[in-house]
Amino acid sequence: FLAENLEARSEEFKNRISLITEDSVEKAGQQVEASIRRIFSYAAWADKYEGRIHQPPMRGLALAIPEPFGVMGIIASNDQPLLGLLSMILPCIAAGNRVIAVPSPQTALIATDFYQILDTSDVPGGVVNFVTGDSFELAAVLAAHDDVGAIWGVGPKEECSKIKKESNGNLKSVWTSDGKCPDWYN
């Protein structure tokens, strides 16, 4: 339902992204369409790791056991505000985690609009939580927090370094972009 609800409001999101990022409406539309495809893709993956024994086409068995971290912190970048944010959130929830996501302060309105879609979809309450504010400060808080099992940050090099430094005390899993901008379309 998440993808279907986003698709129903795609014009609104396309216009909002275009307004906030100053991209063309066509480019914003491509981002919304890619986001919808990404949701369908991760929804398909979500039921492939339910901890059951699978029978692969060859002889033998494959045991798929999810190993969620519990709570994951996500620090998103300005680049591709909807697609980038979803590309970080979706694999986390597909693997059985809860997410605390910090959208980019410049594009937080897109995340809060997306929260309305989460609220009317089949994603259980509390699975995805948005915290808006200064991403540098919030990244440090999430990295140092003992109840956050893993953190994933995409942003400036200084922010990524801060995440790594603050997470040393509790040995959580950390992924950062080290200031590089990922290609969210791949």
C-alpha atoms as a PDB file:
ATOM      1  CA  PHE A   1       0.000   0.000   0.000  1.00  0.00           C
ATOM      2  CA  LEU A   2       2.935   2.319   0.598  1.00  0.00           C
ATOM      3  CA  ALA A   3       3.854   2.463  -3.089  1.00  0.00           C
ATOM      4  CA  GLU A   4       0.236   2.746  -4.157  1.00  0.00           C
ATOM      5  CA  ASN A   5      -0.354   5.646  -1.747  1.00  0.00           C
ATOM      6  CA  LEU A   6       2.756   7.440  -2.991  1.00  0.00           C
ATOM      7  CA  GLU A   7       1.626   6.866  -6.558  1.00  0.00           C
ATOM      8  CA  ALA A   8      -1.771   8.395  -5.748  1.00  0.00           C
ATOM      9  CA  ARG A   9      -0.015  11.539  -4.476  1.00  0.00           C
ATOM     10  CA  SER A  10       2.789  11.535  -7.047  1.00  0.00           C
ATOM     11  CA  GLU A  11       1.814  14.907  -8.566  1.00  0.00           C
ATOM     12  CA  GLU A  12       1.966  16.554  -5.156  1.00  0.00           C
ATOM     13  CA  PHE A  13       5.392  15.064  -4.425  1.00  0.00           C
ATOM     14  CA  LYS A  14       6.701  15.886  -7.880  1.00  0.00           C
ATOM     15  CA  ASN A  15       5.724  19.536  -7.452  1.00  0.00           C
ATOM     16  CA  ARG A  16       7.061  19.712  -3.879  1.00  0.00           C
ATOM     17  CA  ILE A  17      10.419  18.214  -4.853  1.00  0.00           C
ATOM     18  CA  SER A  18      10.689  20.560  -7.812  1.00  0.00           C
ATOM     19  CA  LEU A  19       9.916  23.567  -5.618  1.00  0.00           C
ATOM     20  CA  ILE A  20      12.335  22.659  -2.818  1.00  0.00           C
ATOM     21  CA  THR A  21      15.260  21.385  -4.901  1.00  0.00           C
ATOM     22  CA  GLU A  22      14.749  23.738  -7.861  1.00  0.00           C
ATOM     23  CA  ASP A  23      14.930  20.730 -10.193  1.00  0.00           C
ATOM     24  CA  SER A  24      12.645  20.609 -13.199  1.00  0.00           C
ATOM     25  CA  VAL A  25       9.221  19.051 -12.696  1.00  0.00           C
ATOM     26  CA  GLU A  26      10.263  16.323 -15.149  1.00  0.00           C
ATOM     27  CA  LYS A  27      13.375  15.457 -13.118  1.00  0.00           C
ATOM     28  CA  ALA A  28      11.351  15.496  -9.895  1.00  0.00           C
ATOM     29  CA  GLY A  29       8.834  13.170 -11.560  1.00  0.00           C
ATOM     30  CA  GLN A  30      11.627  10.733 -12.407  1.00  0.00           C
ATOM     31  CA  GLN A  31      12.634  10.710  -8.740  1.00  0.00           C
ATOM     32  CA  VAL A  32       9.069   9.989  -7.616  1.00  0.00           C
ATOM     33  CA  GLU A  33       8.700   7.179 -10.172  1.00  0.00           C
ATOM     34  CA  ALA A  34      12.026   5.658  -9.107  1.00  0.00           C
ATOM     35  CA  SER A  35      10.897   5.902  -5.470  1.00  0.00           C
ATOM     36  CA  ILE A  36       7.686   4.009  -6.238  1.00  0.00           C
ATOM     37  CA  ARG A  37       9.643   1.260  -8.028  1.00  0.00           C
ATOM     38  CA  ARG A  38      12.078   1.100  -5.088  1.00  0.00           C
ATOM     39  CA  ILE A  39       9.220   0.609  -2.620  1.00  0.00           C
ATOM     40  CA  PHE A  40       7.798  -2.272  -4.677  1.00  0.00           C
ATOM     41  CA  SER A  41      11.261  -3.812  -4.922  1.00  0.00           C
ATOM     42  CA  TYR A  42      11.952  -3.781  -1.183  1.00  0.00           C
ATOM     43  CA  ALA A  43       8.405  -4.899  -0.407  1.00  0.00           C
ATOM     44  CA  ALA A  44       9.154  -7.972  -2.524  1.00  0.00           C
ATOM     45  CA  TRP A  45      12.364  -8.591  -0.577  1.00  0.00           C
ATOM     46  CA  ALA A  46      10.706  -8.175   2.818  1.00  0.00           C
ATOM     47  CA  ASP A  47       9.109 -11.613   2.818  1.00  0.00           C
ATOM     48  CA  LYS A  48      12.178 -13.461   1.562  1.00  0.00           C
ATOM     49  CA  TYR A  49      13.936 -13.493   4.923  1.00  0.00           C
ATOM     50  CA  GLU A  50      11.260 -14.662   7.307  1.00  0.00           C
ATOM     51  CA  GLY A  51      13.384 -17.268   9.053  1.00  0.00           C
ATOM     52  CA  ARG A  52      11.878 -20.260   7.289  1.00  0.00           C
ATOM     53  CA  ILE A  53      13.501 -23.059   5.401  1.00  0.00           C
ATOM     54  CA  HIS A  54      13.308 -22.508   1.648  1.00  0.00           C
ATOM     55  CA  GLN A  55      13.547 -25.100  -1.059  1.00  0.00           C
ATOM     56  CA  PRO A  56      15.824 -23.726  -3.765  1.00  0.00           C
ATOM     57  CA  PRO A  57      15.554 -25.120  -7.304  1.00  0.00           C
ATOM     58  CA  MET A  58      18.562 -27.395  -6.712  1.00  0.00           C
ATOM     59  CA  ARG A  59      18.759 -30.218  -4.237  1.00  0.00           C
ATOM     60  CA  GLY A  60      19.124 -29.111  -0.654  1.00  0.00           C
ATOM     61  CA  LEU A  61      17.688 -26.526   1.669  1.00  0.00           C
ATOM     62  CA  ALA A  62      18.416 -22.877   2.352  1.00  0.00           C
ATOM     63  CA  LEU A  63      17.796 -21.415   5.777  1.00  0.00           C
ATOM     64  CA  ALA A  64      17.073 -17.692   5.795  1.00  0.00           C
ATOM     65  CA  ILE A  65      17.330 -16.107   9.222  1.00  0.00           C
ATOM     66  CA  PRO A  66      16.878 -12.380   9.666  1.00  0.00           C
ATOM     67  CA  GLU A  67      19.381 -10.648  11.864  1.00  0.00           C
ATOM     68  CA  PRO A  68      17.947  -7.208  12.455  1.00  0.00           C
ATOM     69  CA  PHE A  69      19.897  -4.676  14.465  1.00  0.00           C
ATOM     70  CA  GLY A  70      16.738  -3.538  16.230  1.00  0.00           C
ATOM     71  CA  VAL A  71      16.823   0.226  15.864  1.00  0.00           C
ATOM     72  CA  MET A  72      18.774   1.828  13.047  1.00  0.00           C
ATOM     73  CA  GLY A  73      19.630   5.494  12.731  1.00  0.00           C
ATOM     74  CA  ILE A  74      19.506   7.007   9.241  1.00  0.00           C
ATOM     75  CA  ILE A  75      21.068  10.377   8.391  1.00  0.00           C
ATOM     76  CA  ALA A  76      19.942  11.433   4.907  1.00  0.00           C
ATOM     77  CA  SER A  77      21.462  13.926   2.501  1.00  0.00           C
ATOM     78  CA  ASN A  78      20.057  16.768   0.399  1.00  0.00           C
ATOM     79  CA  ASP A  79      20.612  14.821  -2.791  1.00  0.00           C
ATOM     80  CA  GLN A  80      17.472  13.186  -4.220  1.00  0.00           C
ATOM     81  CA  PRO A  81      15.488  13.880  -1.028  1.00  0.00           C
ATOM     82  CA  LEU A  82      12.722  11.324  -1.542  1.00  0.00           C
ATOM     83  CA  LEU A  83      14.594   8.588  -3.412  1.00  0.00           C
ATOM     84  CA  GLY A  84      17.689   8.895  -1.225  1.00  0.00           C
ATOM     85  CA  LEU A  85      15.683   8.759   1.998  1.00  0.00           C
ATOM     86  CA  LEU A  86      13.652   5.760   0.832  1.00  0.00           C
ATOM     87  CA  SER A  87      16.762   3.997  -0.471  1.00  0.00           C
ATOM     88  CA  MET A  88      18.092   4.123   3.069  1.00  0.00           C
ATOM     89  CA  ILE A  89      14.900   3.394   5.012  1.00  0.00           C
ATOM     90  CA  LEU A  90      13.467   0.548   2.928  1.00  0.00           C
ATOM     91  CA  PRO A  91      16.314  -1.985   3.217  1.00  0.00           C
ATOM     92  CA  CYS A  92      16.378  -1.402   6.963  1.00  0.00           C
ATOM     93  CA  ILE A  93      12.689  -2.147   7.474  1.00  0.00           C
ATOM     94  CA  ALA A  94      12.755  -5.023   4.960  1.00  0.00           C
ATOM     95  CA  ALA A  95      15.385  -6.645   7.199  1.00  0.00           C
ATOM     96  CA  GLY A  96      13.138  -6.260  10.251  1.00  0.00           C
ATOM     97  CA  ASN A  97      14.539  -3.117  11.848  1.00  0.00           C
ATOM     98  CA  ARG A  98      12.875  -0.021  13.227  1.00  0.00           C
ATOM     99  CA  VAL A  99      14.232   3.246  11.853  1.00  0.00           C
ATOM    100  CA  ILE A 100      14.920   6.679  13.266  1.00  0.00           C
ATOM    101  CA  ALA A 101      15.477   8.821  10.187  1.00  0.00           C
ATOM    102  CA  VAL A 102      16.940  12.312  10.151  1.00  0.00           C
ATOM    103  CA  PRO A 103      16.070  13.960   6.846  1.00  0.00           C
ATOM    104  CA  SER A 104      18.190  16.768   5.479  1.00  0.00           C
ATOM    105  CA  PRO A 105      17.114  20.058   7.108  1.00  0.00           C
ATOM    106  CA  GLN A 106      16.736  21.625   3.660  1.00  0.00           C
ATOM    107  CA  THR A 107      14.335  18.922   2.470  1.00  0.00           C
ATOM    108  CA  ALA A 108      12.614  17.887   5.713  1.00  0.00           C
ATOM    109  CA  LEU A 109       9.213  18.926   4.382  1.00  0.00           C
ATOM    110  CA  ILE A 110       9.357  16.099   1.849  1.00  0.00           C
ATOM    111  CA  ALA A 111       9.996  13.596   4.662  1.00  0.00           C
ATOM    112  CA  THR A 112       7.133  14.964   6.758  1.00  0.00           C
ATOM    113  CA  ASP A 113       4.829  14.701   3.732  1.00  0.00           C
ATOM    114  CA  PHE A 114       5.999  11.127   3.256  1.00  0.00           C
ATOM    115  CA  TYR A 115       5.164  10.436   6.900  1.00  0.00           C
ATOM    116  CA  GLN A 116       1.515  11.085   6.021  1.00  0.00           C
ATOM    117  CA  ILE A 117       1.779   8.305   3.451  1.00  0.00           C
ATOM    118  CA  LEU A 118       3.347   5.984   6.024  1.00  0.00           C
ATOM    119  CA  ASP A 119       0.477   6.773   8.379  1.00  0.00           C
ATOM    120  CA  THR A 120      -2.125   5.662   5.810  1.00  0.00           C
ATOM    121  CA  SER A 121      -0.228   2.589   4.586  1.00  0.00           C
ATOM    122  CA  ASP A 122       0.312  -0.880   5.984  1.00  0.00           C
ATOM    123  CA  VAL A 123       3.605  -0.037   7.708  1.00  0.00           C
ATOM    124  CA  PRO A 124       3.052  -0.551  11.460  1.00  0.00           C
ATOM    125  CA  GLY A 125       3.261   2.514  13.674  1.00  0.00           C
ATOM    126  CA  GLY A 126       6.689   3.121  15.194  1.00  0.00           C
ATOM    127  CA  VAL A 127       8.606   1.287  12.484  1.00  0.00           C
ATOM    128  CA  VAL A 128       9.699   4.518  10.790  1.00  0.00           C
ATOM    129  CA  ASN A 129      10.251   7.613  12.901  1.00  0.00           C
ATOM    130  CA  PHE A 130      11.392  10.992  11.587  1.00  0.00           C
ATOM    131  CA  VAL A 131      13.339  13.478  13.676  1.00  0.00           C
ATOM    132  CA  THR A 132      13.913  16.847  12.062  1.00  0.00           C
ATOM    133  CA  GLY A 133      16.607  19.272  13.097  1.00  0.00           C
ATOM    134  CA  ASP A 134      20.315  19.866  12.735  1.00  0.00           C
ATOM    135  CA  SER A 135      21.571  16.653  11.147  1.00  0.00           C
ATOM    136  CA  PHE A 136      25.125  17.104  12.479  1.00  0.00           C
ATOM    137  CA  GLU A 137      23.894  17.235  16.094  1.00  0.00           C
ATOM    138  CA  LEU A 138      21.308  14.486  15.655  1.00  0.00           C
ATOM    139  CA  ALA A 139      23.844  12.217  13.942  1.00  0.00           C
ATOM    140  CA  ALA A 140      26.113  12.504  16.979  1.00  0.00           C
ATOM    141  CA  VAL A 141      23.238  11.724  19.355  1.00  0.00           C
ATOM    142  CA  LEU A 142      22.147   8.649  17.384  1.00  0.00           C
ATOM    143  CA  ALA A 143      25.735   7.439  17.026  1.00  0.00           C
ATOM    144  CA  ALA A 144      26.354   7.677  20.767  1.00  0.00           C
ATOM    145  CA  HIS A 145      22.984   6.235  21.842  1.00  0.00           C
ATOM    146  CA  ASP A 146      23.226   2.712  23.254  1.00  0.00           C
ATOM    147  CA  ASP A 147      19.736   1.707  22.087  1.00  0.00           C
ATOM    148  CA  VAL A 148      20.559   2.363  18.433  1.00  0.00           C
ATOM    149  CA  GLY A 149      22.063  -0.827  17.016  1.00  0.00           C
ATOM    150  CA  ALA A 150      23.406   0.576  13.754  1.00  0.00           C
ATOM    151  CA  ILE A 151      23.701   3.888  11.955  1.00  0.00           C
ATOM    152  CA  TRP A 152      23.889   4.826   8.297  1.00  0.00           C
ATOM    153  CA  GLY A 153      24.909   8.327   7.351  1.00  0.00           C
ATOM    154  CA  VAL A 154      25.124  10.034   3.980  1.00  0.00           C
ATOM    155  CA  GLY A 155      26.414  13.550   4.207  1.00  0.00           C
ATOM    156  CA  PRO A 156      29.414  15.795   4.486  1.00  0.00           C
ATOM    157  CA  LYS A 157      32.750  14.266   5.445  1.00  0.00           C
ATOM    158  CA  GLU A 158      32.763  16.050   8.839  1.00  0.00           C
ATOM    159  CA  GLU A 159      29.349  14.593   9.698  1.00  0.00           C
ATOM    160  CA  CYS A 160      30.462  11.091   8.687  1.00  0.00           C
ATOM    161  CA  SER A 161      33.618  11.422  10.790  1.00  0.00           C
ATOM    162  CA  LYS A 162      31.530  12.531  13.768  1.00  0.00           C
ATOM    163  CA  ILE A 163      29.262   9.496  13.370  1.00  0.00           C
ATOM    164  CA  LYS A 164      32.262   7.159  13.359  1.00  0.00           C
ATOM    165  CA  LYS A 165      33.856   8.849  16.362  1.00  0.00           C
ATOM    166  CA  GLU A 166      30.686   8.899  18.491  1.00  0.00           C
ATOM    167  CA  SER A 167      29.805   5.277  17.730  1.00  0.00           C
ATOM    168  CA  ASN A 168      33.170   3.947  18.920  1.00  0.00           C
ATOM    169  CA  GLY A 169      31.998   3.785  22.520  1.00  0.00           C
ATOM    170  CA  ASN A 170      29.193   1.322  21.883  1.00  0.00           C
ATOM    171  CA  LEU A 171      30.637  -0.589  18.920  1.00  0.00           C
ATOM    172  CA  LYS A 172      27.580  -0.293  16.684  1.00  0.00           C
ATOM    173  CA  SER A 173      27.646  -1.068  12.995  1.00  0.00           C
ATOM    174  CA  VAL A 174      28.312   2.074  10.975  1.00  0.00           C
ATOM    175  CA  TRP A 175      28.010   2.877   7.279  1.00  0.00           C
ATOM    176  CA  THR A 176      28.887   6.319   5.950  1.00  0.00           C
ATOM    177  CA  SER A 177      29.402   7.922   2.584  1.00  0.00           C
ATOM    178  CA  ASP A 178      32.492   9.842   3.763  1.00  0.00           C
ATOM    179  CA  GLY A 179      31.258  12.946   1.982  1.00  0.00           C
ATOM    180  CA  LYS A 180      30.604  11.248  -1.345  1.00  0.00           C
ATOM    181  CA  CYS A 181      27.199  11.414  -2.973  1.00  0.00           C
ATOM    182  CA  PRO A 182      25.786   7.980  -3.891  1.00  0.00           C
ATOM    183  CA  ASP A 183      23.977   7.377  -7.157  1.00  0.00           C
ATOM    184  CA  TRP A 184      20.490   6.683  -5.805  1.00  0.00           C
ATOM    185  CA  TYR A 185      19.211   5.506  -9.184  1.00  0.00           C
ATOM    186  CA  ASN A 186      21.383   2.358  -9.177  1.00  0.00           C
END
